[in-house]
Protein backbone atom coordinates (compact mmCIF):
# COMPACT_ATOMS: atom_id res chain seq x y z
CA MET A 1 -20.46 -171.31 -22.14
CA ALA A 2 -18.06 -170.96 -19.16
CA PRO A 3 -16.86 -167.52 -18.72
CA GLU A 4 -13.19 -167.22 -19.63
CA HIS A 5 -12.02 -163.71 -18.22
CA ILE A 6 -13.66 -164.14 -14.83
CA THR A 7 -14.32 -166.96 -12.31
CA THR A 8 -17.10 -167.51 -9.93
CA ALA A 9 -17.44 -169.41 -6.71
CA LEU A 10 -20.47 -169.53 -4.46
CA SER A 11 -20.51 -170.67 -0.80
CA GLU A 12 -22.15 -169.45 2.46
CA GLY A 13 -24.38 -167.10 0.43
CA ILE A 14 -21.41 -165.28 -1.02
CA LEU A 15 -20.75 -165.15 -4.71
CA THR A 16 -17.26 -164.40 -5.34
CA ILE A 17 -16.23 -163.18 -8.70
CA THR A 18 -12.32 -163.13 -9.88
CA LEU A 19 -11.05 -161.33 -12.63
CA ASN A 20 -9.22 -163.92 -14.08
CA ARG A 21 -6.55 -162.65 -16.76
CA PRO A 22 -3.41 -162.61 -14.30
CA GLU A 23 -1.07 -162.72 -17.25
CA LYS A 24 -2.30 -159.07 -18.28
CA LEU A 25 -2.93 -158.03 -14.63
CA ASN A 26 -6.40 -158.69 -15.13
CA ALA A 27 -6.95 -155.72 -17.75
CA PHE A 28 -10.39 -155.25 -18.32
CA THR A 29 -12.04 -156.21 -21.84
CA THR A 30 -15.26 -156.13 -23.38
CA GLN A 31 -15.55 -159.81 -22.82
CA MET A 32 -14.90 -159.40 -19.07
CA GLY A 33 -17.53 -156.71 -18.63
CA GLN A 34 -19.94 -159.04 -20.55
CA GLU A 35 -19.20 -161.90 -18.45
CA ILE A 36 -19.53 -159.76 -15.19
CA GLY A 37 -23.02 -158.46 -16.21
CA ALA A 38 -24.09 -162.08 -16.95
CA ALA A 39 -22.77 -163.08 -13.38
CA LEU A 40 -24.54 -160.12 -11.83
CA ASP A 41 -27.89 -161.14 -13.70
CA ARG A 42 -27.64 -164.40 -12.61
CA ALA A 43 -26.83 -163.33 -9.07
CA ASP A 44 -30.06 -160.96 -8.81
CA ARG A 45 -32.15 -163.86 -9.77
CA ASP A 46 -30.56 -166.38 -7.51
CA ASP A 47 -31.81 -166.43 -3.87
CA GLU A 48 -28.74 -168.51 -2.73
CA VAL A 49 -26.76 -165.42 -3.39
CA ARG A 50 -26.83 -162.73 -0.57
CA VAL A 51 -23.58 -160.99 -1.21
CA VAL A 52 -21.19 -160.47 -4.22
CA ILE A 53 -17.38 -160.01 -3.54
CA PHE A 54 -15.04 -159.02 -6.45
CA THR A 55 -11.40 -159.65 -6.43
CA GLY A 56 -8.50 -160.24 -8.78
CA ALA A 57 -6.16 -163.21 -9.64
CA GLY A 58 -2.48 -163.02 -9.42
CA ARG A 59 -0.49 -159.95 -8.68
CA GLY A 60 -3.04 -157.04 -8.71
CA TYR A 61 -6.66 -156.42 -8.98
CA CYS A 62 -6.91 -154.64 -12.50
CA ALA A 63 -4.32 -153.00 -14.51
CA GLY A 64 -7.10 -150.85 -16.34
CA ALA A 65 -8.83 -151.22 -19.78
CA ASP A 66 -6.77 -153.78 -22.21
CA ILE A 67 -6.37 -151.17 -25.06
CA SER A 68 -5.65 -154.29 -27.43
CA ASP A 69 -9.19 -155.29 -27.01
CA GLY A 70 -10.47 -154.05 -30.26
CA GLY A 71 -8.93 -150.57 -29.75
CA SER A 72 -11.33 -149.65 -26.70
CA VAL A 73 -9.85 -147.65 -24.16
CA SER A 74 -13.19 -147.15 -22.11
CA ALA A 75 -15.08 -149.81 -19.98
CA GLY A 76 -18.34 -148.09 -21.33
CA SER A 77 -17.41 -148.30 -25.19
CA GLY A 78 -19.83 -150.46 -26.91
CA MET A 79 -21.09 -152.14 -24.08
CA GLU A 80 -24.51 -151.91 -24.82
CA ARG A 81 -24.01 -154.01 -27.61
CA LYS A 82 -22.10 -156.56 -25.48
CA GLY A 83 -24.88 -157.46 -23.14
CA LEU A 84 -24.65 -154.44 -20.76
CA PRO A 85 -26.75 -151.25 -20.51
CA PRO A 86 -25.69 -148.08 -22.26
CA GLY A 87 -23.69 -147.00 -19.19
CA GLY A 88 -21.59 -149.92 -19.35
CA ILE A 89 -20.24 -151.72 -16.33
CA GLY A 90 -20.63 -148.69 -13.95
CA GLN A 91 -24.48 -148.98 -14.67
CA ARG A 92 -24.78 -152.47 -14.26
CA LEU A 93 -23.06 -152.38 -11.09
CA PHE A 94 -25.07 -149.45 -9.66
CA GLU A 95 -28.31 -151.62 -10.60
CA SER A 96 -27.19 -154.79 -8.84
CA HIS A 97 -29.84 -156.03 -6.36
CA LYS A 98 -27.09 -157.43 -4.19
CA PRO A 99 -24.51 -155.89 -1.82
CA LEU A 100 -21.17 -155.66 -3.80
CA ILE A 101 -17.73 -155.83 -1.92
CA ALA A 102 -14.49 -155.09 -3.54
CA ALA A 103 -11.40 -156.77 -2.17
CA MET A 104 -8.42 -155.15 -4.01
CA HIS A 105 -4.62 -155.91 -3.79
CA GLY A 106 -1.69 -154.55 -6.16
CA ALA A 107 -2.36 -152.25 -8.76
CA ALA A 108 -6.08 -151.07 -9.53
CA VAL A 109 -5.76 -148.52 -12.24
CA GLY A 110 -8.16 -146.64 -14.47
CA VAL A 111 -11.44 -148.93 -14.89
CA GLY A 112 -9.85 -150.94 -11.95
CA VAL A 113 -10.60 -148.29 -9.72
CA THR A 114 -13.71 -146.93 -11.38
CA MET A 115 -15.64 -150.20 -11.50
CA THR A 116 -15.14 -150.45 -7.69
CA LEU A 117 -16.98 -146.90 -7.21
CA PRO A 118 -20.56 -148.41 -7.50
CA MET A 119 -19.71 -151.09 -5.10
CA ASP A 120 -20.95 -150.89 -1.67
CA ILE A 121 -17.59 -151.40 0.55
CA ARG A 122 -14.13 -151.61 -0.61
CA ILE A 123 -11.29 -152.89 1.31
CA CYS A 124 -7.66 -153.29 0.08
CA ALA A 125 -4.30 -155.24 1.10
CA GLU A 126 -1.47 -153.39 2.25
CA GLY A 127 0.56 -151.81 -0.65
CA SER A 128 -2.27 -151.37 -3.02
CA LYS A 129 -2.12 -148.41 -5.32
CA PHE A 130 -5.06 -146.72 -7.34
CA GLY A 131 -4.28 -144.92 -10.59
CA LEU A 132 -6.87 -142.30 -11.57
CA VAL A 133 -4.52 -141.53 -14.57
CA PHE A 134 -7.40 -140.66 -17.16
CA THR A 135 -6.24 -137.04 -17.89
CA ARG A 136 -2.43 -138.23 -18.34
CA ARG A 137 -3.69 -140.44 -21.15
CA GLY A 138 -5.99 -137.75 -22.78
CA LEU A 139 -9.26 -139.10 -21.22
CA VAL A 140 -11.75 -138.07 -18.70
CA PRO A 141 -12.86 -140.50 -15.88
CA GLU A 142 -15.34 -142.87 -17.09
CA ALA A 143 -17.85 -145.88 -15.65
CA GLY A 144 -19.86 -142.93 -14.07
CA SER A 145 -16.91 -142.09 -11.84
CA ALA A 146 -17.57 -138.12 -12.07
CA TRP A 147 -20.72 -138.81 -10.39
CA PHE A 148 -19.50 -141.53 -7.82
CA LEU A 149 -16.01 -140.38 -6.73
CA PRO A 150 -16.89 -136.95 -5.21
CA ARG A 151 -19.72 -139.01 -3.22
CA ILE A 152 -17.37 -140.88 -1.74
CA VAL A 153 -14.22 -138.93 -1.18
CA GLY A 154 -15.69 -135.50 -1.37
CA LEU A 155 -15.55 -133.02 -4.36
CA PRO A 156 -12.08 -131.46 -3.39
CA LYS A 157 -10.14 -134.65 -2.87
CA ALA A 158 -11.74 -136.17 -6.16
CA LEU A 159 -10.76 -133.05 -7.91
CA GLU A 160 -7.11 -133.14 -6.77
CA TRP A 161 -6.90 -136.86 -7.54
CA VAL A 162 -8.45 -136.60 -10.98
CA TYR A 163 -6.97 -133.34 -12.26
CA ALA A 164 -3.55 -134.60 -11.56
CA GLY A 165 -3.96 -138.14 -12.75
CA ARG A 166 -2.79 -139.25 -9.33
CA THR A 167 -1.89 -142.83 -8.26
CA VAL A 168 -3.11 -142.96 -4.74
CA THR A 169 -1.54 -145.19 -1.92
CA ALA A 170 -3.52 -147.56 0.24
CA ASP A 171 -3.16 -144.98 3.13
CA GLU A 172 -4.14 -142.11 1.28
CA ALA A 173 -7.50 -144.17 0.08
CA LYS A 174 -8.42 -144.95 3.54
CA ALA A 175 -7.92 -141.53 4.78
CA ALA A 176 -10.08 -140.14 2.25
CA GLY A 177 -12.65 -142.76 2.29
CA LEU A 178 -12.23 -144.80 -0.88
CA VAL A 179 -11.53 -147.89 1.06
CA SER A 180 -12.70 -148.70 4.53
CA GLU A 181 -10.02 -150.94 5.79
CA VAL A 182 -6.45 -151.77 4.74
CA VAL A 183 -5.24 -155.26 5.78
CA ALA A 184 -2.42 -157.69 5.25
CA PRO A 185 -2.53 -159.35 1.77
CA GLU A 186 -3.07 -162.79 3.43
CA GLN A 187 -6.08 -161.67 5.18
CA LEU A 188 -7.71 -159.80 2.49
CA LEU A 189 -10.31 -162.19 1.29
CA GLU A 190 -10.96 -163.73 4.58
CA ARG A 191 -11.84 -160.05 5.82
CA ALA A 192 -13.93 -159.38 2.81
CA ARG A 193 -15.91 -162.92 3.63
CA GLU A 194 -16.39 -161.77 7.22
CA ILE A 195 -18.17 -158.67 6.03
CA ALA A 196 -20.14 -160.49 3.81
CA ARG A 197 -21.25 -163.08 6.22
CA GLU A 198 -22.51 -160.60 8.68
CA ILE A 199 -24.90 -159.37 5.88
CA ALA A 200 -25.85 -162.99 4.82
CA GLN A 201 -26.50 -164.14 8.15
CA ASN A 202 -28.26 -161.38 9.75
CA THR A 203 -30.49 -159.47 7.32
CA SER A 204 -33.69 -159.94 5.29
CA PRO A 205 -32.91 -160.64 1.67
CA VAL A 206 -35.76 -158.58 0.63
CA ALA A 207 -34.93 -155.57 2.80
CA THR A 208 -31.35 -155.74 1.77
CA VAL A 209 -32.32 -155.41 -2.02
CA LEU A 210 -34.50 -152.48 -1.08
CA THR A 211 -32.24 -150.70 1.07
CA ARG A 212 -29.25 -150.72 -1.46
CA GLN A 213 -31.24 -149.03 -3.85
CA LEU A 214 -32.73 -146.82 -1.34
CA MET A 215 -29.55 -145.68 -0.07
CA TRP A 216 -27.72 -145.05 -3.34
CA ARG A 217 -30.67 -143.13 -4.97
CA ALA A 218 -31.54 -141.06 -1.98
CA SER A 219 -27.95 -140.08 -1.56
CA ALA A 220 -28.27 -138.05 -4.85
CA ALA A 221 -31.64 -136.39 -4.22
CA ASP A 222 -31.93 -132.65 -3.51
CA GLY A 223 -33.64 -133.42 -0.15
CA PRO A 224 -35.01 -135.77 1.99
CA PHE A 225 -38.51 -135.68 0.80
CA ASP A 226 -38.59 -138.21 -1.94
CA ALA A 227 -36.77 -140.70 0.62
CA LEU A 228 -39.41 -139.96 3.32
CA LYS A 229 -42.16 -140.93 0.85
CA VAL A 230 -40.47 -144.13 -0.54
CA ASP A 231 -39.35 -145.45 2.92
CA SER A 232 -42.64 -145.18 4.57
CA ALA A 233 -44.25 -146.92 1.58
CA LEU A 234 -41.73 -149.56 1.63
CA ASN A 235 -42.02 -150.25 5.33
CA LEU A 236 -45.81 -150.25 5.15
CA ALA A 237 -45.46 -153.12 2.46
CA LEU A 238 -42.76 -154.87 4.18
CA SER A 239 -44.86 -154.73 7.59
CA GLN A 240 -47.56 -156.82 5.91
CA GLY A 241 -45.20 -159.69 5.07
CA PRO A 242 -43.20 -162.18 7.07
CA ASP A 243 -39.87 -160.93 7.38
CA VAL A 244 -40.58 -158.33 9.93
CA LYS A 245 -42.24 -160.91 12.24
CA GLU A 246 -39.36 -163.22 11.89
CA GLY A 247 -36.82 -160.37 12.50
CA PHE A 248 -38.38 -159.20 15.71
CA ALA A 249 -38.92 -163.00 16.86
CA ALA A 250 -35.21 -163.63 16.12
CA PHE A 251 -34.06 -160.54 18.21
CA ARG A 252 -36.37 -161.62 21.11
CA GLU A 253 -35.09 -165.02 21.09
CA LYS A 254 -31.35 -164.08 20.50
CA ARG A 255 -30.82 -166.27 17.51
CA LEU A 256 -30.06 -165.91 13.91
CA PRO A 257 -33.20 -164.96 11.88
CA GLU A 258 -34.45 -167.14 9.20
CA PHE A 259 -36.06 -164.84 6.58
CA PRO A 260 -38.63 -166.46 4.67
CA GLY A 261 -38.77 -163.68 1.82
CA ARG A 262 -37.14 -164.20 -1.43
CA ALA A 263 -35.54 -161.31 -3.42
CA SER A 264 -36.39 -163.11 -6.56
CA THR A 265 -40.20 -163.18 -5.91
CA ASP A 266 -41.18 -161.09 -2.87
CA LEU A 267 -39.98 -157.50 -3.66
CA PRO A 268 -42.99 -155.06 -2.92
CA LYS A 269 -44.90 -153.84 -6.07
CA LEU A 270 -43.58 -150.53 -5.62
CA PHE A 271 -40.06 -151.69 -6.66
CA PRO A 272 -38.73 -150.18 -8.63
CA TRP A 273 -40.14 -146.76 -7.49
CA TRP A 274 -37.77 -144.61 -9.66
């Protein structure tokens, strides 16, 4: 059955997932979460997908959770019964094999912000606003954002924002590192695709999957020692495959690489190592 609350489009190795309830400012529903989870499941299995971009249809990215959706006010509520893991959309995004880019415009409120925190790169259009309004609604930050947000903007800034239930401007978001770029609205998707193309055209699919999980998981470790053990073992395994040979050959010959490895079949036996 075709999804109803999102649309998907694949070109140049880039899967674009568009939140598609513009009449509701793309308010998040359990169905939307389920459809995103299914799209990411397919992306993980599809070697044609190298990068995933998330954006929103209409005037904004996502107005938050649709509280008319069965009375749920949290992006994690009941998600384990809706085709997502117990941690809901935050966990599923975190576990993605493919790099994730958020291209946001207009309002991103509640889960509209927190669902982007497990993504790898966030950019936004001028005039965007990000509402971390949970305490103003009698709630706590969800979708794992108590873990993600301090790692992105630092604990003092995260506390300042979430204690007050702040709505943050695009310039504030960039200054704190919540987004890496603020661009003109008409340039938003093309800039996201430029970033995605650089990844898709230049990197090993296998190495990129491993690197995404290595970076996220090592960043939360107590020290570098677990990462030192894992990265050495991963590079030993990778050095025995064809991608390393092709990567160095492309560098010497000053051309784009054509990596033969496939993320669906050629991940080292060490993966997953956690």
